[in-house]
Amino acid sequence: MTVLFADVANYTSMSEKLDPEEVHQIVDGCFRILFDEIRKYEGTINKFTGDGAMALFGAPIAHEDHAHRACYAALAIQKGMEEDGEKIRKQYGLDFKMRIGLNSGSVLMGSVGNDLQMEYTAMGDTTNLASRMQMNARPGTVLISGNTQKLARNFFEFQSLEKIPVKGKEELQDAFELLRTSEVKSRIEASVAKGLTPFVGRKNSGRAQFSINLFQPSNII
């Protein structure tokens, strides 16, 4: 599955400058965009994190193309935030942007909590790396891991960035900025772009000979 993390950049600074009701109004509009775009691509918002959200693609609804759906949703969210951010800039004089991070891999789905409060969530290294991608993303951009890039590379365009350090991991991690969709729209087009596999044992041995047996009405009993 693919995990998406998104949060509002410079949220603390915005909260200091605006009235709490104004902050709530801005964030509420932001969450509506998140919810609509994630639901459009059949993702599931797992939880809200105050100034952001965590969403899952590939569970609990299984999708083989979960990475593609997450990338489409992330780009759509940023496009919606550009339009909403322009209104906020004119009204409040603030530069409102979001940071989004994606990572794909295996997760453990389960419930955490007790009888008073129970939460169904995704746990494991995949979720942690998705969160780190979001933290390292520049405001207004989508940062994805090498795991997600490998799954979606034929359908989107990326900018390869320097490897980034991630807390708890010894090796630096690949990071890519998701830029836009590519011209490829189907798996067949993606296969053509990579190069189709040639048929084995299909040598051109000259003009093919065909033998056709035609049944005449007189031969049918």
Protein backbone atom coordinates (compact mmCIF):
# COMPACT_ATOMS: atom_id res chain seq x y z
CA MET A 1 0.00 0.00 0.00
CA THR A 2 0.98 3.66 -0.18
CA VAL A 3 0.84 6.02 2.79
CA LEU A 4 0.31 9.76 2.33
CA PHE A 5 1.13 12.40 4.94
CA ALA A 6 0.18 16.05 4.50
CA ASP A 7 0.49 19.06 6.75
CA VAL A 8 0.26 22.85 6.65
CA ALA A 9 3.65 24.54 6.32
CA ASN A 10 4.39 27.28 8.88
CA TYR A 11 1.28 26.41 10.87
CA THR A 12 2.72 27.74 14.15
CA SER A 13 3.54 31.09 12.60
CA MET A 14 0.05 31.35 11.12
CA SER A 15 -1.54 30.51 14.47
CA GLU A 16 0.40 33.33 16.17
CA LYS A 17 -0.75 35.94 13.65
CA LEU A 18 -4.42 35.03 13.31
CA ASP A 19 -7.41 34.60 15.57
CA PRO A 20 -8.14 30.93 16.42
CA GLU A 21 -11.47 31.13 14.58
CA GLU A 22 -9.69 32.36 11.45
CA VAL A 23 -7.14 29.54 11.71
CA HIS A 24 -9.96 27.03 12.08
CA GLN A 25 -11.70 28.41 9.01
CA ILE A 26 -8.53 28.18 6.92
CA VAL A 27 -7.62 24.66 8.07
CA ASP A 28 -11.21 23.47 7.64
CA GLY A 29 -11.15 24.58 4.00
CA CYS A 30 -7.82 22.82 3.57
CA PHE A 31 -9.18 19.58 4.99
CA ARG A 32 -12.17 19.70 2.64
CA ILE A 33 -9.76 19.71 -0.31
CA LEU A 34 -7.79 16.83 1.22
CA PHE A 35 -10.91 14.79 1.87
CA ASP A 36 -12.43 15.36 -1.59
CA GLU A 37 -9.28 14.49 -3.55
CA ILE A 38 -8.33 11.49 -1.44
CA ARG A 39 -11.86 10.10 -1.66
CA LYS A 40 -11.89 10.75 -5.43
CA TYR A 41 -9.00 8.30 -5.86
CA GLU A 42 -10.51 5.86 -3.33
CA GLY A 43 -8.01 6.50 -0.59
CA THR A 44 -8.94 6.50 3.09
CA ILE A 45 -8.11 9.24 5.56
CA ASN A 46 -6.79 7.33 8.54
CA LYS A 47 -6.50 10.26 10.92
CA PHE A 48 -6.18 14.01 11.18
CA THR A 49 -3.09 15.36 12.91
CA GLY A 50 -4.19 18.86 13.93
CA ASP A 51 -2.63 20.71 11.00
CA GLY A 52 -2.54 17.75 8.60
CA ALA A 53 -3.72 14.26 7.81
CA MET A 54 -2.61 10.70 7.13
CA ALA A 55 -4.22 8.75 4.29
CA LEU A 56 -3.96 5.18 3.02
CA PHE A 57 -4.14 3.88 -0.55
CA GLY A 58 -4.49 0.13 -0.96
CA ALA A 59 -6.18 -0.56 2.39
CA PRO A 60 -8.80 -1.18 3.57
CA ILE A 61 -9.85 -1.04 -0.12
CA ALA A 62 -7.29 -3.07 -2.07
CA HIS A 63 -5.89 -1.46 -5.24
CA GLU A 64 -3.05 -2.84 -7.32
CA ASP A 65 -2.29 0.71 -8.53
CA HIS A 66 -2.23 2.24 -5.03
CA ALA A 67 0.96 4.21 -5.74
CA HIS A 68 -0.56 5.78 -8.87
CA ARG A 69 -3.71 6.76 -7.01
CA ALA A 70 -1.71 8.35 -4.19
CA CYS A 71 0.37 10.37 -6.68
CA TYR A 72 -2.71 11.56 -8.56
CA ALA A 73 -4.34 12.59 -5.28
CA ALA A 74 -1.21 14.40 -4.07
CA LEU A 75 -0.94 16.45 -7.27
CA ALA A 76 -4.66 17.25 -7.16
CA ILE A 77 -4.38 18.38 -3.53
CA GLN A 78 -1.50 20.73 -4.31
CA LYS A 79 -3.39 22.17 -7.28
CA GLY A 80 -6.42 22.79 -5.07
CA MET A 81 -4.20 24.37 -2.42
CA GLU A 82 -2.77 26.79 -4.98
CA GLU A 83 -6.25 28.15 -5.70
CA ASP A 84 -7.22 28.22 -2.02
CA GLY A 85 -3.85 29.70 -1.07
CA GLU A 86 -4.35 32.65 -3.41
CA LYS A 87 -7.59 33.54 -1.62
CA ILE A 88 -5.86 33.28 1.78
CA ARG A 89 -2.99 35.43 0.56
CA LYS A 90 -5.37 38.19 -0.53
CA GLN A 91 -7.49 38.03 2.61
CA TYR A 92 -4.85 37.51 5.32
CA GLY A 93 -1.54 38.31 3.64
CA LEU A 94 -0.19 34.83 4.40
CA ASP A 95 1.67 32.40 2.15
CA PHE A 96 -0.43 29.26 2.70
CA LYS A 97 1.05 26.00 1.41
CA MET A 98 1.09 22.31 2.25
CA ARG A 99 3.82 19.67 2.35
CA ILE A 100 3.04 16.12 1.22
CA GLY A 101 5.08 12.94 1.59
CA LEU A 102 4.49 9.47 0.10
CA ASN A 103 5.97 6.03 0.65
CA SER A 104 4.93 2.55 -0.50
CA GLY A 105 5.48 -0.82 1.08
CA SER A 106 4.11 -3.43 3.45
CA VAL A 107 2.36 -2.34 6.64
CA LEU A 108 0.69 -3.90 9.63
CA MET A 109 -2.96 -2.88 9.85
CA GLY A 110 -4.39 -3.11 13.33
CA SER A 111 -6.21 -1.43 16.18
CA VAL A 112 -4.41 0.47 18.92
CA GLY A 113 -5.87 1.90 22.09
CA ASN A 114 -8.25 0.66 24.76
CA ASP A 115 -11.95 0.40 25.52
CA LEU A 116 -12.26 4.18 25.85
CA GLN A 117 -10.60 5.04 22.54
CA MET A 118 -9.68 2.68 19.70
CA GLU A 119 -7.94 3.61 16.45
CA TYR A 120 -7.50 1.50 13.31
CA THR A 121 -4.20 2.44 11.74
CA ALA A 122 -1.19 1.36 9.65
CA MET A 123 2.01 0.68 11.53
CA GLY A 124 5.58 -0.07 10.53
CA ASP A 125 8.57 1.26 8.66
CA THR A 126 6.52 2.20 5.59
CA THR A 127 4.44 4.65 7.62
CA ASN A 128 7.48 6.12 9.35
CA LEU A 129 9.29 6.81 6.07
CA ALA A 130 6.18 8.43 4.56
CA SER A 131 6.09 10.78 7.54
CA ARG A 132 9.79 11.62 7.10
CA MET A 133 9.20 12.39 3.42
CA GLN A 134 6.51 14.87 4.39
CA MET A 135 8.78 16.52 6.95
CA ASN A 136 11.53 16.98 4.35
CA ALA A 137 9.25 18.26 1.58
CA ARG A 138 9.44 21.92 0.61
CA PRO A 139 6.20 23.89 1.12
CA GLY A 140 3.92 23.42 -1.86
CA THR A 141 5.63 20.22 -3.09
CA VAL A 142 5.20 16.43 -2.97
CA LEU A 143 8.21 14.38 -1.86
CA ILE A 144 8.15 10.63 -2.51
CA SER A 145 10.43 7.76 -1.61
CA GLY A 146 12.32 5.53 -4.01
CA ASN A 147 9.78 2.77 -3.26
CA THR A 148 6.89 4.84 -4.61
CA GLN A 149 8.90 6.20 -7.53
CA LYS A 150 9.66 2.68 -8.77
CA LEU A 151 5.94 1.82 -8.81
CA ALA A 152 4.77 5.04 -10.48
CA ARG A 153 7.76 6.11 -12.60
CA ASN A 154 6.14 5.37 -15.97
CA PHE A 155 3.05 7.46 -15.26
CA PHE A 156 4.58 10.58 -13.69
CA GLU A 157 7.52 12.92 -14.01
CA PHE A 158 9.92 13.39 -11.12
CA GLN A 159 12.97 15.36 -10.12
CA SER A 160 15.63 13.28 -8.44
CA LEU A 161 16.95 14.95 -5.28
CA GLU A 162 19.90 14.30 -3.04
CA LYS A 163 19.51 11.38 -0.68
CA ILE A 164 18.22 12.44 2.70
CA PRO A 165 19.05 11.21 6.21
CA VAL A 166 16.16 9.57 8.06
CA LYS A 167 16.12 9.09 11.81
CA GLY A 168 16.50 5.43 12.70
CA LYS A 169 18.00 4.40 9.34
CA GLU A 170 21.71 3.90 8.80
CA GLU A 171 21.65 4.55 5.03
CA LEU A 172 20.54 7.72 3.28
CA GLN A 173 17.17 7.41 1.55
CA ASP A 174 16.32 8.17 -2.08
CA ALA A 175 13.94 11.11 -2.50
CA PHE A 176 12.09 12.41 -5.55
CA GLU A 177 9.93 15.47 -6.05
CA LEU A 178 6.70 14.59 -7.83
CA LEU A 179 6.23 17.16 -10.60
CA ARG A 180 3.38 16.20 -12.91
CA THR A 181 1.66 13.36 -14.76
CA SER A 182 3.36 11.97 -17.85
CA GLU A 183 1.79 11.37 -21.25
CA VAL A 184 1.45 7.66 -20.44
CA LYS A 185 -2.13 6.78 -19.53
CA SER A 186 -2.23 2.97 -19.64
CA ARG A 187 -0.06 -0.06 -18.89
CA ILE A 188 0.25 -0.81 -22.60
CA GLU A 189 1.67 2.68 -23.21
CA ALA A 190 4.02 2.20 -20.27
CA SER A 191 5.24 -1.10 -21.74
CA VAL A 192 5.81 0.53 -25.11
CA ALA A 193 7.79 3.33 -23.45
CA LYS A 194 10.06 0.79 -21.73
CA GLY A 195 10.34 -1.41 -24.81
CA LEU A 196 8.18 -4.43 -25.59
CA THR A 197 9.57 -7.91 -25.01
CA PRO A 198 10.28 -9.65 -28.34
CA PHE A 199 8.62 -12.96 -29.15
CA VAL A 200 10.86 -15.99 -28.61
CA GLY A 201 11.22 -18.48 -31.47
CA ARG A 202 9.40 -16.31 -34.02
CA LYS A 203 12.03 -16.13 -36.75
CA ASN A 204 11.26 -14.73 -40.17
CA SER A 205 11.85 -17.75 -42.45
CA GLY A 206 10.38 -16.27 -45.61
CA ARG A 207 6.88 -16.25 -46.92
CA ALA A 208 4.51 -18.17 -44.71
CA GLN A 209 2.57 -21.06 -46.22
CA PHE A 210 -1.01 -21.57 -45.21
CA SER A 211 -3.21 -24.61 -45.81
CA ILE A 212 -6.94 -24.04 -45.59
CA ASN A 213 -9.47 -26.84 -45.66
CA LEU A 214 -12.82 -25.77 -46.96
CA PHE A 215 -15.84 -27.88 -46.26
CA GLN A 216 -18.05 -28.28 -49.28
CA PRO A 217 -21.77 -28.70 -48.72
CA SER A 218 -21.63 -32.07 -50.52
CA ASN A 219 -19.16 -33.42 -47.93
CA ILE A 220 -21.33 -32.60 -44.92
CA ILE A 221 -23.48 -35.50 -43.71
